[in-house]
C-alpha atoms as a PDB file:
ATOM      1  CA  MET A   1     -17.103 -11.463 -12.565  1.00  0.00           C
ATOM      2  CA  PRO A   2     -13.519 -12.076 -11.429  1.00  0.00           C
ATOM      3  CA  TYR A   3     -10.822 -12.800 -13.975  1.00  0.00           C
ATOM      4  CA  LEU A   4      -9.902 -16.430 -13.334  1.00  0.00           C
ATOM      5  CA  SER A   5      -6.550 -16.973 -14.985  1.00  0.00           C
ATOM      6  CA  PRO A   6      -5.156 -20.515 -15.096  1.00  0.00           C
ATOM      7  CA  ALA A   7      -2.946 -19.635 -12.115  1.00  0.00           C
ATOM      8  CA  LEU A   8      -5.821 -18.234 -10.088  1.00  0.00           C
ATOM      9  CA  ASN A   9      -7.892 -21.324 -10.894  1.00  0.00           C
ATOM     10  CA  VAL A  10      -5.095 -23.436  -9.429  1.00  0.00           C
ATOM     11  CA  LEU A  11      -5.087 -21.370  -6.237  1.00  0.00           C
ATOM     12  CA  THR A  12      -8.852 -21.355  -5.723  1.00  0.00           C
ATOM     13  CA  SER A  13      -9.152 -25.086  -6.428  1.00  0.00           C
ATOM     14  CA  ALA A  14      -6.395 -25.919  -3.942  1.00  0.00           C
ATOM     15  CA  ALA A  15      -7.944 -23.645  -1.289  1.00  0.00           C
ATOM     16  CA  ARG A  16     -11.395 -25.192  -1.688  1.00  0.00           C
ATOM     17  CA  LYS A  17     -10.076 -28.749  -1.465  1.00  0.00           C
ATOM     18  CA  ALA A  18      -8.092 -27.968   1.679  1.00  0.00           C
ATOM     19  CA  GLY A  19     -11.028 -25.978   3.060  1.00  0.00           C
ATOM     20  CA  ARG A  20     -13.400 -28.937   2.897  1.00  0.00           C
ATOM     21  CA  LYS A  21     -11.096 -30.989   5.098  1.00  0.00           C
ATOM     22  CA  LEU A  22     -10.484 -28.057   7.416  1.00  0.00           C
ATOM     23  CA  ILE A  23     -14.219 -27.655   8.016  1.00  0.00           C
ATOM     24  CA  ARG A  24     -14.525 -31.309   8.991  1.00  0.00           C
ATOM     25  CA  ASP A  25     -11.623 -30.925  11.408  1.00  0.00           C
ATOM     26  CA  PHE A  26     -13.117 -27.731  12.827  1.00  0.00           C
ATOM     27  CA  GLY A  27     -16.283 -29.647  13.626  1.00  0.00           C
ATOM     28  CA  GLU A  28     -14.208 -32.022  15.749  1.00  0.00           C
ATOM     29  CA  VAL A  29     -11.784 -29.483  17.129  1.00  0.00           C
ATOM     30  CA  GLU A  30     -12.004 -30.901  20.638  1.00  0.00           C
ATOM     31  CA  ASN A  31     -10.603 -34.216  19.366  1.00  0.00           C
ATOM     32  CA  LEU A  32      -7.587 -32.797  17.582  1.00  0.00           C
ATOM     33  CA  GLN A  33      -4.151 -33.742  18.811  1.00  0.00           C
ATOM     34  CA  ILE A  34      -2.235 -30.561  19.472  1.00  0.00           C
ATOM     35  CA  SER A  35       1.507 -30.166  19.765  1.00  0.00           C
ATOM     36  CA  LEU A  36       3.141 -27.155  21.382  1.00  0.00           C
ATOM     37  CA  LYS A  37       5.611 -25.471  19.020  1.00  0.00           C
ATOM     38  CA  GLY A  38       6.303 -22.506  21.270  1.00  0.00           C
ATOM     39  CA  PRO A  39       4.606 -20.195  23.754  1.00  0.00           C
ATOM     40  CA  ALA A  40       1.115 -19.397  22.502  1.00  0.00           C
ATOM     41  CA  ASP A  41       2.046 -20.802  19.075  1.00  0.00           C
ATOM     42  CA  PHE A  42       0.176 -24.031  18.465  1.00  0.00           C
ATOM     43  CA  VAL A  43       0.310 -26.423  15.560  1.00  0.00           C
ATOM     44  CA  SER A  44      -2.635 -28.754  15.124  1.00  0.00           C
ATOM     45  CA  VAL A  45      -3.031 -31.958  13.212  1.00  0.00           C
ATOM     46  CA  ALA A  46      -5.386 -30.052  10.918  1.00  0.00           C
ATOM     47  CA  ASP A  47      -2.727 -27.421  10.191  1.00  0.00           C
ATOM     48  CA  LYS A  48      -0.162 -30.017   9.132  1.00  0.00           C
ATOM     49  CA  ARG A  49      -2.687 -32.026   7.113  1.00  0.00           C
ATOM     50  CA  ASN A  50      -3.874 -28.912   5.335  1.00  0.00           C
ATOM     51  CA  GLU A  51      -0.332 -28.026   4.367  1.00  0.00           C
ATOM     52  CA  ARG A  52       0.151 -31.467   2.804  1.00  0.00           C
ATOM     53  CA  ILE A  53      -3.065 -31.078   0.791  1.00  0.00           C
ATOM     54  CA  LEU A  54      -2.038 -27.660  -0.513  1.00  0.00           C
ATOM     55  CA  ILE A  55       1.481 -28.778  -1.404  1.00  0.00           C
ATOM     56  CA  GLU A  56       0.184 -31.828  -3.264  1.00  0.00           C
ATOM     57  CA  GLU A  57      -2.400 -29.813  -5.204  1.00  0.00           C
ATOM     58  CA  LEU A  58       0.008 -27.022  -6.133  1.00  0.00           C
ATOM     59  CA  GLN A  59       2.785 -29.402  -7.140  1.00  0.00           C
ATOM     60  CA  ARG A  60       0.383 -31.421  -9.264  1.00  0.00           C
ATOM     61  CA  ALA A  61      -0.723 -28.295 -11.127  1.00  0.00           C
ATOM     62  CA  ARG A  62       2.613 -26.472 -11.268  1.00  0.00           C
ATOM     63  CA  ALA A  63       5.407 -28.995 -10.887  1.00  0.00           C
ATOM     64  CA  GLY A  64       8.744 -27.311 -10.365  1.00  0.00           C
ATOM     65  CA  TYR A  65       7.542 -24.179  -8.585  1.00  0.00           C
ATOM     66  CA  PRO A  66       9.209 -23.664  -5.179  1.00  0.00           C
ATOM     67  CA  ILE A  67       6.796 -23.425  -2.250  1.00  0.00           C
ATOM     68  CA  LEU A  68       7.367 -21.360   0.891  1.00  0.00           C
ATOM     69  CA  THR A  69       5.158 -22.612   3.702  1.00  0.00           C
ATOM     70  CA  GLU A  70       4.900 -22.183   7.452  1.00  0.00           C
ATOM     71  CA  GLU A  71       5.553 -25.714   8.643  1.00  0.00           C
ATOM     72  CA  SER A  72       7.969 -27.042   6.004  1.00  0.00           C
ATOM     73  CA  GLY A  73       9.866 -23.873   5.173  1.00  0.00           C
ATOM     74  CA  LEU A  74      11.052 -23.624   1.575  1.00  0.00           C
ATOM     75  CA  ILE A  75      10.386 -26.600  -0.667  1.00  0.00           C
ATOM     76  CA  ASP A  76      12.753 -25.969  -3.548  1.00  0.00           C
ATOM     77  CA  GLY A  77      12.008 -26.449  -7.214  1.00  0.00           C
ATOM     78  CA  PRO A  78      13.779 -25.931 -10.555  1.00  0.00           C
ATOM     79  CA  ASP A  79      11.577 -23.012 -11.720  1.00  0.00           C
ATOM     80  CA  LYS A  80      13.250 -20.085  -9.967  1.00  0.00           C
ATOM     81  CA  SER A  81      11.028 -17.484 -11.649  1.00  0.00           C
ATOM     82  CA  HIS A  82       7.966 -18.555  -9.635  1.00  0.00           C
ATOM     83  CA  ARG A  83       7.164 -19.230  -5.991  1.00  0.00           C
ATOM     84  CA  PHE A  84       4.035 -20.158  -4.062  1.00  0.00           C
ATOM     85  CA  ILE A  85       3.707 -18.674  -0.562  1.00  0.00           C
ATOM     86  CA  ILE A  86       1.142 -20.512   1.545  1.00  0.00           C
ATOM     87  CA  ASP A  87      -0.330 -20.487   5.020  1.00  0.00           C
ATOM     88  CA  PRO A  88      -2.532 -23.572   5.446  1.00  0.00           C
ATOM     89  CA  LEU A  89      -4.269 -22.166   8.525  1.00  0.00           C
ATOM     90  CA  ASP A  90      -3.940 -18.503   9.408  1.00  0.00           C
ATOM     91  CA  GLY A  91      -5.664 -18.027  12.734  1.00  0.00           C
ATOM     92  CA  THR A  92      -4.657 -21.347  14.308  1.00  0.00           C
ATOM     93  CA  THR A  93      -5.391 -20.138  17.837  1.00  0.00           C
ATOM     94  CA  ASN A  94      -8.918 -19.122  16.789  1.00  0.00           C
ATOM     95  CA  PHE A  95      -9.376 -22.544  15.167  1.00  0.00           C
ATOM     96  CA  LEU A  96      -8.269 -24.416  18.261  1.00  0.00           C
ATOM     97  CA  HIS A  97     -10.604 -22.396  20.467  1.00  0.00           C
ATOM     98  CA  GLY A  98     -13.606 -23.016  18.234  1.00  0.00           C
ATOM     99  CA  ILE A  99     -13.701 -19.460  16.889  1.00  0.00           C
ATOM    100  CA  PRO A 100     -14.823 -19.522  13.217  1.00  0.00           C
ATOM    101  CA  HIS A 101     -12.421 -16.840  12.021  1.00  0.00           C
ATOM    102  CA  PHE A 102      -9.456 -18.356  10.167  1.00  0.00           C
ATOM    103  CA  ALA A 103      -8.301 -18.703   6.595  1.00  0.00           C
ATOM    104  CA  ILE A 104      -6.213 -20.468   4.000  1.00  0.00           C
ATOM    105  CA  SER A 105      -3.816 -18.048   2.303  1.00  0.00           C
ATOM    106  CA  ILE A 106      -2.029 -18.721  -1.003  1.00  0.00           C
ATOM    107  CA  ALA A 107      -0.016 -16.306  -3.115  1.00  0.00           C
ATOM    108  CA  LEU A 108       1.963 -16.763  -6.321  1.00  0.00           C
ATOM    109  CA  GLU A 109       5.061 -14.740  -7.116  1.00  0.00           C
ATOM    110  CA  ARG A 110       6.493 -14.333 -10.603  1.00  0.00           C
ATOM    111  CA  GLU A 111       9.956 -12.786 -10.929  1.00  0.00           C
ATOM    112  CA  GLY A 112       9.620 -11.528  -7.349  1.00  0.00           C
ATOM    113  CA  GLN A 113       6.258  -9.844  -7.964  1.00  0.00           C
ATOM    114  CA  LEU A 114       2.981 -10.981  -6.408  1.00  0.00           C
ATOM    115  CA  VAL A 115       0.673 -11.889  -9.301  1.00  0.00           C
ATOM    116  CA  SER A 116      -2.129 -14.121  -7.943  1.00  0.00           C
ATOM    117  CA  ALA A 117      -3.655 -14.498  -4.499  1.00  0.00           C
ATOM    118  CA  VAL A 118      -6.489 -16.074  -2.546  1.00  0.00           C
ATOM    119  CA  VAL A 119      -7.544 -15.813   1.087  1.00  0.00           C
ATOM    120  CA  TYR A 120     -10.312 -18.308   1.861  1.00  0.00           C
ATOM    121  CA  ASN A 121     -12.446 -18.593   4.986  1.00  0.00           C
ATOM    122  CA  PRO A 122     -14.143 -21.975   4.488  1.00  0.00           C
ATOM    123  CA  VAL A 123     -16.538 -21.548   7.421  1.00  0.00           C
ATOM    124  CA  ILE A 124     -18.581 -18.930   5.541  1.00  0.00           C
ATOM    125  CA  ASP A 125     -17.268 -19.705   2.035  1.00  0.00           C
ATOM    126  CA  ASP A 126     -15.636 -16.278   1.629  1.00  0.00           C
ATOM    127  CA  MET A 127     -13.113 -16.518  -1.217  1.00  0.00           C
ATOM    128  CA  PHE A 128     -11.112 -13.323  -1.533  1.00  0.00           C
ATOM    129  CA  MET A 129      -9.009 -13.333  -4.698  1.00  0.00           C
ATOM    130  CA  ALA A 130      -6.904 -11.076  -6.854  1.00  0.00           C
ATOM    131  CA  GLU A 131      -4.897 -11.162 -10.058  1.00  0.00           C
ATOM    132  CA  LYS A 132      -2.307  -8.470 -10.729  1.00  0.00           C
ATOM    133  CA  GLY A 133      -3.859  -5.812 -12.949  1.00  0.00           C
ATOM    134  CA  GLN A 134      -7.306  -7.450 -12.867  1.00  0.00           C
ATOM    135  CA  GLY A 135      -8.768  -6.232  -9.581  1.00  0.00           C
ATOM    136  CA  ALA A 136      -9.815  -7.944  -6.358  1.00  0.00           C
ATOM    137  CA  PHE A 137     -12.992  -9.897  -5.671  1.00  0.00           C
ATOM    138  CA  LEU A 138     -14.951 -11.536  -2.892  1.00  0.00           C
ATOM    139  CA  ASN A 139     -16.544 -14.510  -4.632  1.00  0.00           C
ATOM    140  CA  ASP A 140     -18.139 -12.753  -7.641  1.00  0.00           C
ATOM    141  CA  ARG A 141     -18.258  -9.213  -6.177  1.00  0.00           C
ATOM    142  CA  ARG A 142     -15.574  -6.686  -7.013  1.00  0.00           C
ATOM    143  CA  LEU A 143     -13.835  -5.129  -4.021  1.00  0.00           C
ATOM    144  CA  ARG A 144     -12.812  -1.557  -3.280  1.00  0.00           C
ATOM    145  CA  VAL A 145     -11.179  -0.232  -0.141  1.00  0.00           C
ATOM    146  CA  ALA A 146     -13.237   2.160   1.967  1.00  0.00           C
ATOM    147  CA  ALA A 147     -13.246   5.790   0.844  1.00  0.00           C
ATOM    148  CA  ARG A 148     -12.976   7.489   4.244  1.00  0.00           C
ATOM    149  CA  LYS A 149     -10.558  10.392   4.416  1.00  0.00           C
ATOM    150  CA  ASP A 150     -11.006  11.390   8.050  1.00  0.00           C
ATOM    151  CA  LEU A 151      -8.930   9.335  10.475  1.00  0.00           C
ATOM    152  CA  LYS A 152     -11.389  10.205  13.264  1.00  0.00           C
ATOM    153  CA  ALA A 153     -14.076   8.135  11.534  1.00  0.00           C
ATOM    154  CA  SER A 154     -11.829   5.159  10.721  1.00  0.00           C
ATOM    155  CA  LEU A 155     -11.852   1.605  12.075  1.00  0.00           C
ATOM    156  CA  SER A 156      -8.514  -0.213  12.159  1.00  0.00           C
ATOM    157  CA  ALA A 157      -7.491  -3.810  12.731  1.00  0.00           C
ATOM    158  CA  ILE A 158      -4.321  -4.697  14.592  1.00  0.00           C
ATOM    159  CA  GLY A 159      -2.167  -7.616  15.620  1.00  0.00           C
ATOM    160  CA  VAL A 160      -1.245  -7.796  19.309  1.00  0.00           C
ATOM    161  CA  PRO A 161       2.059  -9.251  20.552  1.00  0.00           C
ATOM    162  CA  TRP A 162       1.744 -12.079  23.055  1.00  0.00           C
ATOM    163  CA  LEU A 163       3.812 -14.288  25.339  1.00  0.00           C
ATOM    164  CA  GLY A 164       6.842 -15.463  23.356  1.00  0.00           C
ATOM    165  CA  ARG A 165       6.214 -12.938  20.574  1.00  0.00           C
ATOM    166  CA  GLY A 166       8.717 -10.129  20.964  1.00  0.00           C
ATOM    167  CA  GLU A 167      10.473  -8.736  24.014  1.00  0.00           C
ATOM    168  CA  ASP A 168       9.242  -6.207  26.556  1.00  0.00           C
ATOM    169  CA  GLU A 169      10.513  -3.417  24.314  1.00  0.00           C
ATOM    170  CA  ASP A 170       8.299  -4.660  21.450  1.00  0.00           C
ATOM    171  CA  HIS A 171       5.284  -4.782  23.749  1.00  0.00           C
ATOM    172  CA  GLU A 172       5.921  -1.242  24.961  1.00  0.00           C
ATOM    173  CA  ARG A 173       6.231   0.008  21.383  1.00  0.00           C
ATOM    174  CA  PHE A 174       2.945  -1.664  20.523  1.00  0.00           C
ATOM    175  CA  LEU A 175       1.229   0.078  23.427  1.00  0.00           C
ATOM    176  CA  ARG A 176       2.580   3.431  22.275  1.00  0.00           C
ATOM    177  CA  GLU A 177       1.306   2.790  18.738  1.00  0.00           C
ATOM    178  CA  LEU A 178      -2.041   1.587  20.056  1.00  0.00           C
ATOM    179  CA  ARG A 179      -2.454   4.691  22.201  1.00  0.00           C
ATOM    180  CA  ALA A 180      -1.627   6.968  19.270  1.00  0.00           C
ATOM    181  CA  VAL A 181      -4.214   5.394  16.968  1.00  0.00           C
ATOM    182  CA  MET A 182      -6.822   5.015  19.728  1.00  0.00           C
ATOM    183  CA  ASN A 183      -6.676   8.736  20.380  1.00  0.00           C
ATOM    184  CA  ALA A 184      -7.082   9.577  16.684  1.00  0.00           C
ATOM    185  CA  SER A 185      -9.694   7.113  15.374  1.00  0.00           C
ATOM    186  CA  ALA A 186     -13.167   5.685  15.871  1.00  0.00           C
ATOM    187  CA  GLY A 187     -12.118   2.209  16.904  1.00  0.00           C
ATOM    188  CA  ILE A 188      -9.658  -0.679  16.809  1.00  0.00           C
ATOM    189  CA  ARG A 189     -10.312  -4.411  16.455  1.00  0.00           C
ATOM    190  CA  ARG A 190      -8.242  -7.560  17.024  1.00  0.00           C
ATOM    191  CA  PHE A 191      -9.670 -10.673  15.318  1.00  0.00           C
ATOM    192  CA  GLY A 192      -6.632 -12.945  15.119  1.00  0.00           C
ATOM    193  CA  SER A 193      -5.974 -13.578  11.416  1.00  0.00           C
ATOM    194  CA  ALA A 194      -3.675 -11.222   9.513  1.00  0.00           C
ATOM    195  CA  ALA A 195      -4.703 -12.733   6.171  1.00  0.00           C
ATOM    196  CA  LEU A 196      -8.366 -11.949   6.838  1.00  0.00           C
ATOM    197  CA  ASP A 197      -7.514  -8.542   8.312  1.00  0.00           C
ATOM    198  CA  LEU A 198      -5.915  -7.576   5.004  1.00  0.00           C
ATOM    199  CA  ALA A 199      -8.774  -9.078   2.989  1.00  0.00           C
ATOM    200  CA  TRP A 200     -11.259  -7.116   5.089  1.00  0.00           C
ATOM    201  CA  VAL A 201      -9.371  -3.899   4.381  1.00  0.00           C
ATOM    202  CA  ALA A 202      -9.746  -4.701   0.681  1.00  0.00           C
ATOM    203  CA  ALA A 203     -13.477  -5.255   1.221  1.00  0.00           C
ATOM    204  CA  GLY A 204     -13.898  -1.930   3.044  1.00  0.00           C
ATOM    205  CA  ARG A 205     -14.875  -3.621   6.327  1.00  0.00           C
ATOM    206  CA  TYR A 206     -11.782  -2.166   7.970  1.00  0.00           C
ATOM    207  CA  ASP A 207     -10.235   1.126   6.974  1.00  0.00           C
ATOM    208  CA  ALA A 208      -6.718   0.001   7.904  1.00  0.00           C
ATOM    209  CA  PHE A 209      -4.591  -2.778   9.364  1.00  0.00           C
ATOM    210  CA  TRP A 210      -1.120  -2.801  10.849  1.00  0.00           C
ATOM    211  CA  GLU A 211       1.094  -5.341  12.567  1.00  0.00           C
ATOM    212  CA  ARG A 212       4.766  -6.049  13.162  1.00  0.00           C
ATOM    213  CA  GLY A 213       6.770  -9.262  13.051  1.00  0.00           C
ATOM    214  CA  LEU A 214       4.610 -11.324  10.711  1.00  0.00           C
ATOM    215  CA  ALA A 215       5.861 -13.959   8.270  1.00  0.00           C
ATOM    216  CA  ALA A 216       5.650 -13.784   4.484  1.00  0.00           C
ATOM    217  CA  TRP A 217       2.955 -16.494   4.402  1.00  0.00           C
ATOM    218  CA  ASP A 218       0.748 -14.432   6.742  1.00  0.00           C
ATOM    219  CA  ILE A 219       0.564 -11.419   4.448  1.00  0.00           C
ATOM    220  CA  ALA A 220       1.646 -12.198   0.866  1.00  0.00           C
ATOM    221  CA  ALA A 221      -1.823 -12.949  -0.503  1.00  0.00           C
ATOM    222  CA  GLY A 222      -3.465 -10.145   1.442  1.00  0.00           C
ATOM    223  CA  ILE A 223      -1.006  -7.567   0.144  1.00  0.00           C
ATOM    224  CA  LEU A 224      -1.980  -8.212  -3.467  1.00  0.00           C
ATOM    225  CA  ILE A 225      -5.695  -8.301  -2.642  1.00  0.00           C
ATOM    226  CA  VAL A 226      -5.530  -4.895  -0.928  1.00  0.00           C
ATOM    227  CA  ARG A 227      -3.517  -3.358  -3.749  1.00  0.00           C
ATOM    228  CA  GLU A 228      -5.878  -4.679  -6.399  1.00  0.00           C
ATOM    229  CA  ALA A 229      -8.771  -3.217  -4.396  1.00  0.00           C
ATOM    230  CA  GLY A 230      -7.165   0.221  -4.699  1.00  0.00           C
ATOM    231  CA  GLY A 231      -5.400   0.305  -1.334  1.00  0.00           C
ATOM    232  CA  ALA A 232      -1.883   1.226  -0.286  1.00  0.00           C
ATOM    233  CA  VAL A 233       0.369  -1.309   1.453  1.00  0.00           C
ATOM    234  CA  THR A 234       3.861  -0.623   2.821  1.00  0.00           C
ATOM    235  CA  ASP A 235       6.084  -1.667   5.653  1.00  0.00           C
ATOM    236  CA  LEU A 236       6.110   0.565   8.726  1.00  0.00           C
ATOM    237  CA  LYS A 237       8.920   2.671   7.316  1.00  0.00           C
ATOM    238  CA  GLY A 238       6.883   3.428   4.217  1.00  0.00           C
ATOM    239  CA  GLY A 239       8.907   1.028   2.072  1.00  0.00           C
ATOM    240  CA  ASP A 240       8.154  -2.148   0.141  1.00  0.00           C
ATOM    241  CA  ARG A 241       9.908  -4.734   2.336  1.00  0.00           C
ATOM    242  CA  MET A 242       6.836  -6.227   3.989  1.00  0.00           C
ATOM    243  CA  LEU A 243       7.734  -9.820   3.130  1.00  0.00           C
ATOM    244  CA  GLN A 244      11.277  -9.329   4.411  1.00  0.00           C
ATOM    245  CA  THR A 245      10.527  -7.390   7.619  1.00  0.00           C
ATOM    246  CA  GLY A 246       7.108  -8.801   8.470  1.00  0.00           C
ATOM    247  CA  ASP A 247       5.880  -5.277   9.254  1.00  0.00           C
ATOM    248  CA  VAL A 248       2.825  -4.085   7.331  1.00  0.00           C
ATOM    249  CA  LEU A 249       0.420  -1.161   7.110  1.00  0.00           C
ATOM    250  CA  ALA A 250      -2.569  -1.293   4.746  1.00  0.00           C
ATOM    251  CA  ALA A 251      -5.162   1.432   4.206  1.00  0.00           C
ATOM    252  CA  ASN A 252      -6.637   3.601   1.483  1.00  0.00           C
ATOM    253  CA  GLU A 253      -4.506   6.306  -0.109  1.00  0.00           C
ATOM    254  CA  HIS A 254      -5.967   9.017   2.170  1.00  0.00           C
ATOM    255  CA  LEU A 255      -5.565   7.290   5.538  1.00  0.00           C
ATOM    256  CA  HIS A 256      -2.296   5.466   4.880  1.00  0.00           C
ATOM    257  CA  PRO A 257       0.004   8.522   5.162  1.00  0.00           C
ATOM    258  CA  GLN A 258      -1.846   9.732   8.265  1.00  0.00           C
ATOM    259  CA  LEU A 259      -1.465   6.391  10.022  1.00  0.00           C
ATOM    260  CA  LEU A 260       2.125   5.970   8.902  1.00  0.00           C
ATOM    261  CA  LYS A 261       2.993   9.333  10.437  1.00  0.00           C
ATOM    262  CA  LEU A 262       1.300   8.408  13.731  1.00  0.00           C
ATOM    263  CA  LEU A 263       2.945   4.996  13.932  1.00  0.00           C
ATOM    264  CA  ARG A 264       6.418   6.258  13.069  1.00  0.00           C
ATOM    265  CA  ALA A 265       6.164   8.982  15.702  1.00  0.00           C
ATOM    266  CA  ALA A 266       4.997   6.437  18.314  1.00  0.00           C
ATOM    267  CA  ALA A 267       7.705   3.888  17.512  1.00  0.00           C
END
């Protein structure tokens, strides 16, 4: 059974409460009012409502913790040793197109270290969770990254740049990276939620995941979940600045250095 610390209980409770409302909104997705925030970057009524629910629940349980969130930015608080990092709806474009692959992502930092995390897909009630030093779980099942050592047999997930995301140079670099991994592996998938991509690496469904230009709220929870499942997570220079750069590569300890070498050579 997973170790449910008081902090992790707070995260799972907040995710489930927000998830119930998100499911109702998903059932009426065609009626949602949608505002255009930027090219191919939509914000729905459900997204904003979900953020309010999460903020209220987290502030009620841990008053004084700052909260970094996609829509509101940083909500400051007096307790500078902690910070919540939340994405109320990772996979908004999937949600708005009626594709049931999206998640709520919540992470807790303590003294700059990720210590608790959940990634929750309410459509199928998949609650991925992790506590630093206590392992990673999917509901009540312990997670381990896949054990494959041969890159030729591996399946990777990716994030693809789109209109308004990066310049032509970024798109060309992506195509070079894609070609390098395509020629060396068994397959590549693009499902549209970085939080779930990372959680699926932790569950062994994917062997690896990489993407550039993400935000901290997209990946914070997933990073801890992969690490607690025995995986390796770095930025695309092999460092530990994923939350600062938005670039991330996650895999097991055998495939990570192989992929990092390919991606650095292609960049």
